Amino acid sequence: LYGRARSEIHLKNFTHEQSRTFLIEGF
């Protein structure tokens, strides 16, 4: 598979503000 074109999507942990929004909106 070396050299094959590919797309990559990288997921990271939430930031402090994203975590806050996630919890508040979820509740």
mmCIF file of all heavy atoms, coordinates in Angstrom:
data_MODEL
# 
_entry.id   MODEL 
# 
loop_
_atom_site.group_PDB 
_atom_site.id 
_atom_site.type_symbol 
_atom_site.label_atom_id 
_atom_site.label_alt_id 
_atom_site.label_comp_id 
_atom_site.label_asym_id 
_atom_site.label_entity_id 
_atom_site.label_seq_id 
_atom_site.pdbx_PDB_ins_code 
_atom_site.Cartn_x 
_atom_site.Cartn_y 
_atom_site.Cartn_z 
_atom_site.occupancy 
_atom_site.B_iso_or_equiv 
_atom_site.pdbx_formal_charge 
_atom_site.auth_seq_id 
_atom_site.auth_comp_id 
_atom_site.auth_asym_id 
_atom_site.auth_atom_id 
_atom_site.pdbx_PDB_model_num 
ATOM 1   N N   . LEU A 1 1  ? 0.804   -1.218 0.000  1.00 0.00 ? 1  LEU A N   1 
ATOM 2   C CA  . LEU A 1 1  ? 0.000   0.000  0.000  1.00 0.00 ? 1  LEU A CA  1 
ATOM 3   C C   . LEU A 1 1  ? 0.839   1.271  0.000  1.00 0.00 ? 1  LEU A C   1 
ATOM 4   O O   . LEU A 1 1  ? 0.290   2.375  0.054  1.00 0.00 ? 1  LEU A O   1 
ATOM 5   C CB  . LEU A 1 1  ? -0.928  0.011  1.221  1.00 0.00 ? 1  LEU A CB  1 
ATOM 6   C CG  . LEU A 1 1  ? -2.212  -0.813 1.101  1.00 0.00 ? 1  LEU A CG  1 
ATOM 7   C CD1 . LEU A 1 1  ? -2.837  -1.024 2.468  1.00 0.00 ? 1  LEU A CD1 1 
ATOM 8   C CD2 . LEU A 1 1  ? -3.193  -0.157 0.161  1.00 0.00 ? 1  LEU A CD2 1 
ATOM 9   N N   . TYR A 1 2  ? 2.145   1.126  -0.076 1.00 0.00 ? 2  TYR A N   1 
ATOM 10  C CA  . TYR A 1 2  ? 3.027   2.300  -0.018 1.00 0.00 ? 2  TYR A CA  1 
ATOM 11  C C   . TYR A 1 2  ? 2.752   3.237  -1.191 1.00 0.00 ? 2  TYR A C   1 
ATOM 12  O O   . TYR A 1 2  ? 2.621   2.811  -2.338 1.00 0.00 ? 2  TYR A O   1 
ATOM 13  C CB  . TYR A 1 2  ? 4.490   1.876  -0.036 1.00 0.00 ? 2  TYR A CB  1 
ATOM 14  C CG  . TYR A 1 2  ? 5.461   3.037  -0.016 1.00 0.00 ? 2  TYR A CG  1 
ATOM 15  C CD1 . TYR A 1 2  ? 5.714   3.721  1.162  1.00 0.00 ? 2  TYR A CD1 1 
ATOM 16  C CD2 . TYR A 1 2  ? 6.104   3.459  -1.183 1.00 0.00 ? 2  TYR A CD2 1 
ATOM 17  C CE1 . TYR A 1 2  ? 6.606   4.794  1.192  1.00 0.00 ? 2  TYR A CE1 1 
ATOM 18  C CE2 . TYR A 1 2  ? 6.998   4.527  -1.159 1.00 0.00 ? 2  TYR A CE2 1 
ATOM 19  C CZ  . TYR A 1 2  ? 7.235   5.194  0.032  1.00 0.00 ? 2  TYR A CZ  1 
ATOM 20  O OH  . TYR A 1 2  ? 8.098   6.255  0.061  1.00 0.00 ? 2  TYR A OH  1 
ATOM 21  N N   . GLY A 1 3  ? 2.667   4.521  -0.877 1.00 0.00 ? 3  GLY A N   1 
ATOM 22  C CA  . GLY A 1 3  ? 2.502   5.522  -1.922 1.00 0.00 ? 3  GLY A CA  1 
ATOM 23  C C   . GLY A 1 3  ? 1.091   5.699  -2.425 1.00 0.00 ? 3  GLY A C   1 
ATOM 24  O O   . GLY A 1 3  ? 0.843   6.563  -3.273 1.00 0.00 ? 3  GLY A O   1 
ATOM 25  N N   . ARG A 1 4  ? 0.137   4.908  -1.920 1.00 0.00 ? 4  ARG A N   1 
ATOM 26  C CA  . ARG A 1 4  ? -1.251  5.074  -2.358 1.00 0.00 ? 4  ARG A CA  1 
ATOM 27  C C   . ARG A 1 4  ? -1.834  6.349  -1.762 1.00 0.00 ? 4  ARG A C   1 
ATOM 28  O O   . ARG A 1 4  ? -1.646  6.646  -0.582 1.00 0.00 ? 4  ARG A O   1 
ATOM 29  C CB  . ARG A 1 4  ? -2.118  3.878  -1.938 1.00 0.00 ? 4  ARG A CB  1 
ATOM 30  C CG  . ARG A 1 4  ? -1.664  2.516  -2.423 1.00 0.00 ? 4  ARG A CG  1 
ATOM 31  C CD  . ARG A 1 4  ? -1.616  2.443  -3.957 1.00 0.00 ? 4  ARG A CD  1 
ATOM 32  N NE  . ARG A 1 4  ? -1.542  1.078  -4.448 1.00 0.00 ? 4  ARG A NE  1 
ATOM 33  C CZ  . ARG A 1 4  ? -0.433  0.352  -4.513 1.00 0.00 ? 4  ARG A CZ  1 
ATOM 34  N NH1 . ARG A 1 4  ? 0.711   0.861  -4.080 1.00 0.00 ? 4  ARG A NH1 1 
ATOM 35  N NH2 . ARG A 1 4  ? -0.448  -0.875 -4.991 1.00 0.00 ? 4  ARG A NH2 1 
ATOM 36  N N   . ALA A 1 5  ? -2.535  7.107  -2.579 1.00 0.00 ? 5  ALA A N   1 
ATOM 37  C CA  . ALA A 1 5  ? -3.188  8.326  -2.091 1.00 0.00 ? 5  ALA A CA  1 
ATOM 38  C C   . ALA A 1 5  ? -4.266  7.948  -1.073 1.00 0.00 ? 5  ALA A C   1 
ATOM 39  O O   . ALA A 1 5  ? -4.964  6.948  -1.241 1.00 0.00 ? 5  ALA A O   1 
ATOM 40  C CB  . ALA A 1 5  ? -3.803  9.089  -3.257 1.00 0.00 ? 5  ALA A CB  1 
ATOM 41  N N   . ARG A 1 6  ? -4.380  8.740  -0.050 1.00 0.00 ? 6  ARG A N   1 
ATOM 42  C CA  . ARG A 1 6  ? -5.369  8.465  0.983  1.00 0.00 ? 6  ARG A CA  1 
ATOM 43  C C   . ARG A 1 6  ? -5.823  9.779  1.612  1.00 0.00 ? 6  ARG A C   1 
ATOM 44  O O   . ARG A 1 6  ? -5.129  10.784 1.565  1.00 0.00 ? 6  ARG A O   1 
ATOM 45  C CB  . ARG A 1 6  ? -4.794  7.553  2.076  1.00 0.00 ? 6  ARG A CB  1 
ATOM 46  C CG  . ARG A 1 6  ? -3.652  8.181  2.851  1.00 0.00 ? 6  ARG A CG  1 
ATOM 47  C CD  . ARG A 1 6  ? -3.029  7.216  3.846  1.00 0.00 ? 6  ARG A CD  1 
ATOM 48  N NE  . ARG A 1 6  ? -2.023  7.882  4.669  1.00 0.00 ? 6  ARG A NE  1 
ATOM 49  C CZ  . ARG A 1 6  ? -0.754  8.030  4.306  1.00 0.00 ? 6  ARG A CZ  1 
ATOM 50  N NH1 . ARG A 1 6  ? -0.335  7.530  3.159  1.00 0.00 ? 6  ARG A NH1 1 
ATOM 51  N NH2 . ARG A 1 6  ? 0.090   8.663  5.113  1.00 0.00 ? 6  ARG A NH2 1 
ATOM 52  N N   . SER A 1 7  ? -7.003  9.737  2.196  1.00 0.00 ? 7  SER A N   1 
ATOM 53  C CA  . SER A 1 7  ? -7.494  10.865 2.992  1.00 0.00 ? 7  SER A CA  1 
ATOM 54  C C   . SER A 1 7  ? -7.415  10.472 4.464  1.00 0.00 ? 7  SER A C   1 
ATOM 55  O O   . SER A 1 7  ? -7.676  9.320  4.815  1.00 0.00 ? 7  SER A O   1 
ATOM 56  C CB  . SER A 1 7  ? -8.942  11.197 2.630  1.00 0.00 ? 7  SER A CB  1 
ATOM 57  O OG  . SER A 1 7  ? -9.039  11.650 1.302  1.00 0.00 ? 7  SER A OG  1 
ATOM 58  N N   . GLU A 1 8  ? -7.061  11.426 5.302  1.00 0.00 ? 8  GLU A N   1 
ATOM 59  C CA  . GLU A 1 8  ? -6.981  11.167 6.738  1.00 0.00 ? 8  GLU A CA  1 
ATOM 60  C C   . GLU A 1 8  ? -7.833  12.168 7.495  1.00 0.00 ? 8  GLU A C   1 
ATOM 61  O O   . GLU A 1 8  ? -7.762  13.371 7.236  1.00 0.00 ? 8  GLU A O   1 
ATOM 62  C CB  . GLU A 1 8  ? -5.528  11.254 7.225  1.00 0.00 ? 8  GLU A CB  1 
ATOM 63  C CG  . GLU A 1 8  ? -4.629  10.172 6.665  1.00 0.00 ? 8  GLU A CG  1 
ATOM 64  C CD  . GLU A 1 8  ? -3.261  10.138 7.337  1.00 0.00 ? 8  GLU A CD  1 
ATOM 65  O OE1 . GLU A 1 8  ? -3.069  10.876 8.330  1.00 0.00 ? 8  GLU A OE1 1 
ATOM 66  O OE2 . GLU A 1 8  ? -2.387  9.363  6.875  1.00 0.00 ? 8  GLU A OE2 1 
ATOM 67  N N   . ILE A 1 9  ? -8.625  11.649 8.422  1.00 0.00 ? 9  ILE A N   1 
ATOM 68  C CA  . ILE A 1 9  ? -9.402  12.487 9.328  1.00 0.00 ? 9  ILE A CA  1 
ATOM 69  C C   . ILE A 1 9  ? -8.899  12.209 10.736 1.00 0.00 ? 9  ILE A C   1 
ATOM 70  O O   . ILE A 1 9  ? -8.925  11.054 11.192 1.00 0.00 ? 9  ILE A O   1 
ATOM 71  C CB  . ILE A 1 9  ? -10.912 12.211 9.231  1.00 0.00 ? 9  ILE A CB  1 
ATOM 72  C CG1 . ILE A 1 9  ? -11.463 12.657 7.869  1.00 0.00 ? 9  ILE A CG1 1 
ATOM 73  C CG2 . ILE A 1 9  ? -11.662 12.941 10.329 1.00 0.00 ? 9  ILE A CG2 1 
ATOM 74  C CD1 . ILE A 1 9  ? -11.500 11.601 6.831  1.00 0.00 ? 9  ILE A CD1 1 
ATOM 75  N N   . HIS A 1 10 ? -8.399  13.228 11.409 1.00 0.00 ? 10 HIS A N   1 
ATOM 76  C CA  . HIS A 1 10 ? -7.835  13.073 12.747 1.00 0.00 ? 10 HIS A CA  1 
ATOM 77  C C   . HIS A 1 10 ? -8.806  13.632 13.785 1.00 0.00 ? 10 HIS A C   1 
ATOM 78  O O   . HIS A 1 10 ? -9.221  14.792 13.693 1.00 0.00 ? 10 HIS A O   1 
ATOM 79  C CB  . HIS A 1 10 ? -6.492  13.799 12.850 1.00 0.00 ? 10 HIS A CB  1 
ATOM 80  C CG  . HIS A 1 10 ? -5.401  13.168 12.043 1.00 0.00 ? 10 HIS A CG  1 
ATOM 81  N ND1 . HIS A 1 10 ? -4.440  12.354 12.592 1.00 0.00 ? 10 HIS A ND1 1 
ATOM 82  C CD2 . HIS A 1 10 ? -5.132  13.223 10.716 1.00 0.00 ? 10 HIS A CD2 1 
ATOM 83  C CE1 . HIS A 1 10 ? -3.619  11.937 11.641 1.00 0.00 ? 10 HIS A CE1 1 
ATOM 84  N NE2 . HIS A 1 10 ? -4.011  12.452 10.500 1.00 0.00 ? 10 HIS A NE2 1 
ATOM 85  N N   . LEU A 1 11 ? -9.173  12.809 14.754 1.00 0.00 ? 11 LEU A N   1 
ATOM 86  C CA  . LEU A 1 11 ? -10.038 13.240 15.841 1.00 0.00 ? 11 LEU A CA  1 
ATOM 87  C C   . LEU A 1 11 ? -9.206  13.452 17.101 1.00 0.00 ? 11 LEU A C   1 
ATOM 88  O O   . LEU A 1 11 ? -8.370  12.621 17.442 1.00 0.00 ? 11 LEU A O   1 
ATOM 89  C CB  . LEU A 1 11 ? -11.132 12.200 16.128 1.00 0.00 ? 11 LEU A CB  1 
ATOM 90  C CG  . LEU A 1 11 ? -12.400 12.294 15.276 1.00 0.00 ? 11 LEU A CG  1 
ATOM 91  C CD1 . LEU A 1 11 ? -12.090 12.015 13.815 1.00 0.00 ? 11 LEU A CD1 1 
ATOM 92  C CD2 . LEU A 1 11 ? -13.462 11.333 15.784 1.00 0.00 ? 11 LEU A CD2 1 
ATOM 93  N N   . LYS A 1 12 ? -9.438  14.555 17.765 1.00 0.00 ? 12 LYS A N   1 
ATOM 94  C CA  . LYS A 1 12 ? -8.730  14.870 18.999 1.00 0.00 ? 12 LYS A CA  1 
ATOM 95  C C   . LYS A 1 12 ? -9.717  14.948 20.159 1.00 0.00 ? 12 LYS A C   1 
ATOM 96  O O   . LYS A 1 12 ? -10.933 15.012 19.957 1.00 0.00 ? 12 LYS A O   1 
ATOM 97  C CB  . LYS A 1 12 ? -7.987  16.196 18.856 1.00 0.00 ? 12 LYS A CB  1 
ATOM 98  C CG  . LYS A 1 12 ? -6.902  16.187 17.783 1.00 0.00 ? 12 LYS A CG  1 
ATOM 99  C CD  . LYS A 1 12 ? -6.205  17.532 17.705 1.00 0.00 ? 12 LYS A CD  1 
ATOM 100 C CE  . LYS A 1 12 ? -5.119  17.516 16.638 1.00 0.00 ? 12 LYS A CE  1 
ATOM 101 N NZ  . LYS A 1 12 ? -4.425  18.823 16.524 1.00 0.00 ? 12 LYS A NZ  1 
ATOM 102 N N   . ASN A 1 13 ? -9.186  14.940 21.376 1.00 0.00 ? 13 ASN A N   1 
ATOM 103 C CA  . ASN A 1 13 ? -10.029 15.164 22.538 1.00 0.00 ? 13 ASN A CA  1 
ATOM 104 C C   . ASN A 1 13 ? -10.642 16.554 22.470 1.00 0.00 ? 13 ASN A C   1 
ATOM 105 O O   . ASN A 1 13 ? -10.108 17.467 21.838 1.00 0.00 ? 13 ASN A O   1 
ATOM 106 C CB  . ASN A 1 13 ? -9.213  15.030 23.830 1.00 0.00 ? 13 ASN A CB  1 
ATOM 107 C CG  . ASN A 1 13 ? -8.775  13.607 24.100 1.00 0.00 ? 13 ASN A CG  1 
ATOM 108 O OD1 . ASN A 1 13 ? -9.334  12.656 23.555 1.00 0.00 ? 13 ASN A OD1 1 
ATOM 109 N ND2 . ASN A 1 13 ? -7.755  13.444 24.928 1.00 0.00 ? 13 ASN A ND2 1 
ATOM 110 N N   . PHE A 1 14 ? -11.775 16.722 23.143 1.00 0.00 ? 14 PHE A N   1 
ATOM 111 C CA  . PHE A 1 14 ? -12.408 18.030 23.200 1.00 0.00 ? 14 PHE A CA  1 
ATOM 112 C C   . PHE A 1 14 ? -11.527 19.024 23.951 1.00 0.00 ? 14 PHE A C   1 
ATOM 113 O O   . PHE A 1 14 ? -10.809 18.663 24.892 1.00 0.00 ? 14 PHE A O   1 
ATOM 114 C CB  . PHE A 1 14 ? -13.750 17.945 23.917 1.00 0.00 ? 14 PHE A CB  1 
ATOM 115 C CG  . PHE A 1 14 ? -14.867 17.375 23.075 1.00 0.00 ? 14 PHE A CG  1 
ATOM 116 C CD1 . PHE A 1 14 ? -16.052 16.969 23.681 1.00 0.00 ? 14 PHE A CD1 1 
ATOM 117 C CD2 . PHE A 1 14 ? -14.758 17.256 21.699 1.00 0.00 ? 14 PHE A CD2 1 
ATOM 118 C CE1 . PHE A 1 14 ? -17.090 16.456 22.935 1.00 0.00 ? 14 PHE A CE1 1 
ATOM 119 C CE2 . PHE A 1 14 ? -15.802 16.735 20.943 1.00 0.00 ? 14 PHE A CE2 1 
ATOM 120 C CZ  . PHE A 1 14 ? -16.969 16.332 21.561 1.00 0.00 ? 14 PHE A CZ  1 
ATOM 121 N N   . THR A 1 15 ? -11.601 20.271 23.549 1.00 0.00 ? 15 THR A N   1 
ATOM 122 C CA  . THR A 1 15 ? -11.011 21.341 24.340 1.00 0.00 ? 15 THR A CA  1 
ATOM 123 C C   . THR A 1 15 ? -11.854 21.547 25.599 1.00 0.00 ? 15 THR A C   1 
ATOM 124 O O   . THR A 1 15 ? -12.948 20.979 25.746 1.00 0.00 ? 15 THR A O   1 
ATOM 125 C CB  . THR A 1 15 ? -10.980 22.648 23.551 1.00 0.00 ? 15 THR A CB  1 
ATOM 126 O OG1 . THR A 1 15 ? -12.338 23.051 23.276 1.00 0.00 ? 15 THR A OG1 1 
ATOM 127 C CG2 . THR A 1 15 ? -10.216 22.483 22.233 1.00 0.00 ? 15 THR A CG2 1 
ATOM 128 N N   . HIS A 1 16 ? -11.358 22.384 26.497 1.00 0.00 ? 16 HIS A N   1 
ATOM 129 C CA  . HIS A 1 16 ? -12.107 22.684 27.722 1.00 0.00 ? 16 HIS A CA  1 
ATOM 130 C C   . HIS A 1 16 ? -13.490 23.239 27.373 1.00 0.00 ? 16 HIS A C   1 
ATOM 131 O O   . HIS A 1 16 ? -14.511 22.810 27.941 1.00 0.00 ? 16 HIS A O   1 
ATOM 132 C CB  . HIS A 1 16 ? -11.331 23.689 28.564 1.00 0.00 ? 16 HIS A CB  1 
ATOM 133 C CG  . HIS A 1 16 ? -11.930 23.955 29.907 1.00 0.00 ? 16 HIS A CG  1 
ATOM 134 N ND1 . HIS A 1 16 ? -13.016 24.800 30.087 1.00 0.00 ? 16 HIS A ND1 1 
ATOM 135 C CD2 . HIS A 1 16 ? -11.614 23.487 31.155 1.00 0.00 ? 16 HIS A CD2 1 
ATOM 136 C CE1 . HIS A 1 16 ? -13.340 24.852 31.363 1.00 0.00 ? 16 HIS A CE1 1 
ATOM 137 N NE2 . HIS A 1 16 ? -12.497 24.057 32.029 1.00 0.00 ? 16 HIS A NE2 1 
ATOM 138 N N   . GLU A 1 17 ? -13.558 24.165 26.440 1.00 0.00 ? 17 GLU A N   1 
ATOM 139 C CA  . GLU A 1 17 ? -14.836 24.789 26.087 1.00 0.00 ? 17 GLU A CA  1 
ATOM 140 C C   . GLU A 1 17 ? -15.757 23.810 25.373 1.00 0.00 ? 17 GLU A C   1 
ATOM 141 O O   . GLU A 1 17 ? -16.977 23.804 25.598 1.00 0.00 ? 17 GLU A O   1 
ATOM 142 C CB  . GLU A 1 17 ? -14.599 26.027 25.205 1.00 0.00 ? 17 GLU A CB  1 
ATOM 143 C CG  . GLU A 1 17 ? -15.839 26.884 25.013 1.00 0.00 ? 17 GLU A CG  1 
ATOM 144 C CD  . GLU A 1 17 ? -16.463 27.338 26.326 1.00 0.00 ? 17 GLU A CD  1 
ATOM 145 O OE1 . GLU A 1 17 ? -15.717 27.652 27.276 1.00 0.00 ? 17 GLU A OE1 1 
ATOM 146 O OE2 . GLU A 1 17 ? -17.721 27.369 26.406 1.00 0.00 ? 17 GLU A OE2 1 
ATOM 147 N N   . GLN A 1 18 ? -15.197 22.963 24.502 1.00 0.00 ? 18 GLN A N   1 
ATOM 148 C CA  . GLN A 1 18 ? -16.011 21.947 23.826 1.00 0.00 ? 18 GLN A CA  1 
ATOM 149 C C   . GLN A 1 18 ? -16.583 20.956 24.835 1.00 0.00 ? 18 GLN A C   1 
ATOM 150 O O   . GLN A 1 18 ? -17.750 20.546 24.732 1.00 0.00 ? 18 GLN A O   1 
ATOM 151 C CB  . GLN A 1 18 ? -15.174 21.208 22.782 1.00 0.00 ? 18 GLN A CB  1 
ATOM 152 C CG  . GLN A 1 18 ? -14.894 22.003 21.531 1.00 0.00 ? 18 GLN A CG  1 
ATOM 153 C CD  . GLN A 1 18 ? -13.977 21.259 20.577 1.00 0.00 ? 18 GLN A CD  1 
ATOM 154 O OE1 . GLN A 1 18 ? -13.052 20.555 20.996 1.00 0.00 ? 18 GLN A OE1 1 
ATOM 155 N NE2 . GLN A 1 18 ? -14.212 21.401 19.283 1.00 0.00 ? 18 GLN A NE2 1 
ATOM 156 N N   . SER A 1 19 ? -15.769 20.555 25.819 1.00 0.00 ? 19 SER A N   1 
ATOM 157 C CA  . SER A 1 19 ? -16.238 19.632 26.856 1.00 0.00 ? 19 SER A CA  1 
ATOM 158 C C   . SER A 1 19 ? -17.386 20.260 27.644 1.00 0.00 ? 19 SER A C   1 
ATOM 159 O O   . SER A 1 19 ? -18.388 19.604 27.937 1.00 0.00 ? 19 SER A O   1 
ATOM 160 C CB  . SER A 1 19 ? -15.093 19.277 27.806 1.00 0.00 ? 19 SER A CB  1 
ATOM 161 O OG  . SER A 1 19 ? -14.050 18.626 27.129 1.00 0.00 ? 19 SER A OG  1 
ATOM 162 N N   . ARG A 1 20 ? -17.225 21.520 27.982 1.00 0.00 ? 20 ARG A N   1 
ATOM 163 C CA  . ARG A 1 20 ? -18.253 22.233 28.747 1.00 0.00 ? 20 ARG A CA  1 
ATOM 164 C C   . ARG A 1 20 ? -19.564 22.293 27.956 1.00 0.00 ? 20 ARG A C   1 
ATOM 165 O O   . ARG A 1 20 ? -20.636 21.992 28.493 1.00 0.00 ? 20 ARG A O   1 
ATOM 166 C CB  . ARG A 1 20 ? -17.749 23.646 29.061 1.00 0.00 ? 20 ARG A CB  1 
ATOM 167 C CG  . ARG A 1 20 ? -18.700 24.470 29.899 1.00 0.00 ? 20 ARG A CG  1 
ATOM 168 C CD  . ARG A 1 20 ? -18.118 25.847 30.201 1.00 0.00 ? 20 ARG A CD  1 
ATOM 169 N NE  . ARG A 1 20 ? -19.050 26.624 30.985 1.00 0.00 ? 20 ARG A NE  1 
ATOM 170 C CZ  . ARG A 1 20 ? -19.201 26.507 32.288 1.00 0.00 ? 20 ARG A CZ  1 
ATOM 171 N NH1 . ARG A 1 20 ? -18.465 25.643 32.964 1.00 0.00 ? 20 ARG A NH1 1 
ATOM 172 N NH2 . ARG A 1 20 ? -20.086 27.250 32.927 1.00 0.00 ? 20 ARG A NH2 1 
ATOM 173 N N   . THR A 1 21 ? -19.460 22.658 26.689 1.00 0.00 ? 21 THR A N   1 
ATOM 174 C CA  . THR A 1 21 ? -20.661 22.739 25.851 1.00 0.00 ? 21 THR A CA  1 
ATOM 175 C C   . THR A 1 21 ? -21.319 21.378 25.698 1.00 0.00 ? 21 THR A C   1 
ATOM 176 O O   . THR A 1 21 ? -22.546 21.252 25.772 1.00 0.00 ? 21 THR A O   1 
ATOM 177 C CB  . THR A 1 21 ? -20.293 23.300 24.461 1.00 0.00 ? 21 THR A CB  1 
ATOM 178 O OG1 . THR A 1 21 ? -19.664 24.568 24.618 1.00 0.00 ? 21 THR A OG1 1 
ATOM 179 C CG2 . THR A 1 21 ? -21.531 23.457 23.589 1.00 0.00 ? 21 THR A CG2 1 
ATOM 180 N N   . PHE A 1 22 ? -20.493 20.346 25.491 1.00 0.00 ? 22 PHE A N   1 
ATOM 181 C CA  . PHE A 1 22 ? -21.013 18.983 25.333 1.00 0.00 ? 22 PHE A CA  1 
ATOM 182 C C   . PHE A 1 22 ? -21.816 18.554 26.552 1.00 0.00 ? 22 PHE A C   1 
ATOM 183 O O   . PHE A 1 22 ? -22.931 18.022 26.436 1.00 0.00 ? 22 PHE A O   1 
ATOM 184 C CB  . PHE A 1 22 ? -19.844 18.028 25.093 1.00 0.00 ? 22 PHE A CB  1 
ATOM 185 C CG  . PHE A 1 22 ? -20.247 16.575 24.975 1.00 0.00 ? 22 PHE A CG  1 
ATOM 186 C CD1 . PHE A 1 22 ? -20.728 16.071 23.776 1.00 0.00 ? 22 PHE A CD1 1 
ATOM 187 C CD2 . PHE A 1 22 ? -20.141 15.710 26.058 1.00 0.00 ? 22 PHE A CD2 1 
ATOM 188 C CE1 . PHE A 1 22 ? -21.094 14.741 23.657 1.00 0.00 ? 22 PHE A CE1 1 
ATOM 189 C CE2 . PHE A 1 22 ? -20.503 14.382 25.950 1.00 0.00 ? 22 PHE A CE2 1 
ATOM 190 C CZ  . PHE A 1 22 ? -20.982 13.896 24.745 1.00 0.00 ? 22 PHE A CZ  1 
ATOM 191 N N   . LEU A 1 23 ? -21.279 18.784 27.748 1.00 0.00 ? 23 LEU A N   1 
ATOM 192 C CA  . LEU A 1 23 ? -21.971 18.378 28.964 1.00 0.00 ? 23 LEU A CA  1 
ATOM 193 C C   . LEU A 1 23 ? -23.236 19.199 29.196 1.00 0.00 ? 23 LEU A C   1 
ATOM 194 O O   . LEU A 1 23 ? -24.307 18.640 29.491 1.00 0.00 ? 23 LEU A O   1 
ATOM 195 C CB  . LEU A 1 23 ? -21.032 18.500 30.166 1.00 0.00 ? 23 LEU A CB  1 
ATOM 196 C CG  . LEU A 1 23 ? -19.906 17.460 30.256 1.00 0.00 ? 23 LEU A CG  1 
ATOM 197 C CD1 . LEU A 1 23 ? -18.976 17.791 31.415 1.00 0.00 ? 23 LEU A CD1 1 
ATOM 198 C CD2 . LEU A 1 23 ? -20.457 16.049 30.395 1.00 0.00 ? 23 LEU A CD2 1 
ATOM 199 N N   . ILE A 1 24 ? -23.129 20.496 29.052 1.00 0.00 ? 24 ILE A N   1 
ATOM 200 C CA  . ILE A 1 24 ? -24.295 21.360 29.321 1.00 0.00 ? 24 ILE A CA  1 
ATOM 201 C C   . ILE A 1 24 ? -25.426 21.054 28.349 1.00 0.00 ? 24 ILE A C   1 
ATOM 202 O O   . ILE A 1 24 ? -26.592 20.876 28.760 1.00 0.00 ? 24 ILE A O   1 
ATOM 203 C CB  . ILE A 1 24 ? -23.887 22.846 29.244 1.00 0.00 ? 24 ILE A CB  1 
ATOM 204 C CG1 . ILE A 1 24 ? -22.984 23.200 30.426 1.00 0.00 ? 24 ILE A CG1 1 
ATOM 205 C CG2 . ILE A 1 24 ? -25.130 23.742 29.238 1.00 0.00 ? 24 ILE A CG2 1 
ATOM 206 C CD1 . ILE A 1 24 ? -22.388 24.598 30.360 1.00 0.00 ? 24 ILE A CD1 1 
ATOM 207 N N   . GLU A 1 25 ? -25.114 20.988 27.055 1.00 0.00 ? 25 GLU A N   1 
ATOM 208 C CA  . GLU A 1 25 ? -26.150 20.705 26.064 1.00 0.00 ? 25 GLU A CA  1 
ATOM 209 C C   . GLU A 1 25 ? -26.706 19.297 26.225 1.00 0.00 ? 25 GLU A C   1 
ATOM 210 O O   . GLU A 1 25 ? -27.895 19.059 26.010 1.00 0.00 ? 25 GLU A O   1 
ATOM 211 C CB  . GLU A 1 25 ? -25.588 20.893 24.647 1.00 0.00 ? 25 GLU A CB  1 
ATOM 212 C CG  . GLU A 1 25 ? -25.210 22.323 24.310 1.00 0.00 ? 25 GLU A CG  1 
ATOM 213 C CD  . GLU A 1 25 ? -26.413 23.262 24.386 1.00 0.00 ? 25 GLU A CD  1 
ATOM 214 O OE1 . GLU A 1 25 ? -27.510 22.844 23.961 1.00 0.00 ? 25 GLU A OE1 1 
ATOM 215 O OE2 . GLU A 1 25 ? -26.239 24.402 24.865 1.00 0.00 ? 25 GLU A OE2 1 
ATOM 216 N N   . GLY A 1 26 ? -25.842 18.353 26.590 1.00 0.00 ? 26 GLY A N   1 
ATOM 217 C CA  . GLY A 1 26 ? -26.311 16.996 26.809 1.00 0.00 ? 26 GLY A CA  1 
ATOM 218 C C   . GLY A 1 26 ? -27.284 16.900 27.961 1.00 0.00 ? 26 GLY A C   1 
ATOM 219 O O   . GLY A 1 26 ? -28.352 16.274 27.857 1.00 0.00 ? 26 GLY A O   1 
ATOM 220 N N   . PHE A 1 27 ? -26.961 17.538 29.077 1.00 0.00 ? 27 PHE A N   1 
ATOM 221 C CA  . PHE A 1 27 ? -27.852 17.500 30.236 1.00 0.00 ? 27 PHE A CA  1 
ATOM 222 C C   . PHE A 1 27 ? -29.173 18.205 29.956 1.00 0.00 ? 27 PHE A C   1 
ATOM 223 O O   . PHE A 1 27 ? -30.218 17.813 30.493 1.00 0.00 ? 27 PHE A O   1 
ATOM 224 C CB  . PHE A 1 27 ? -27.157 18.119 31.454 1.00 0.00 ? 27 PHE A CB  1 
ATOM 225 C CG  . PHE A 1 27 ? -26.194 17.196 32.133 1.00 0.00 ? 27 PHE A CG  1 
ATOM 226 C CD1 . PHE A 1 27 ? -24.841 17.506 32.224 1.00 0.00 ? 27 PHE A CD1 1 
ATOM 227 C CD2 . PHE A 1 27 ? -26.639 16.000 32.687 1.00 0.00 ? 27 PHE A CD2 1 
ATOM 228 C CE1 . PHE A 1 27 ? -23.955 16.645 32.852 1.00 0.00 ? 27 PHE A CE1 1 
ATOM 229 C CE2 . PHE A 1 27 ? -25.751 15.127 33.317 1.00 0.00 ? 27 PHE A CE2 1 
ATOM 230 C CZ  . PHE A 1 27 ? -24.408 15.450 33.394 1.00 0.00 ? 27 PHE A CZ  1 
# 
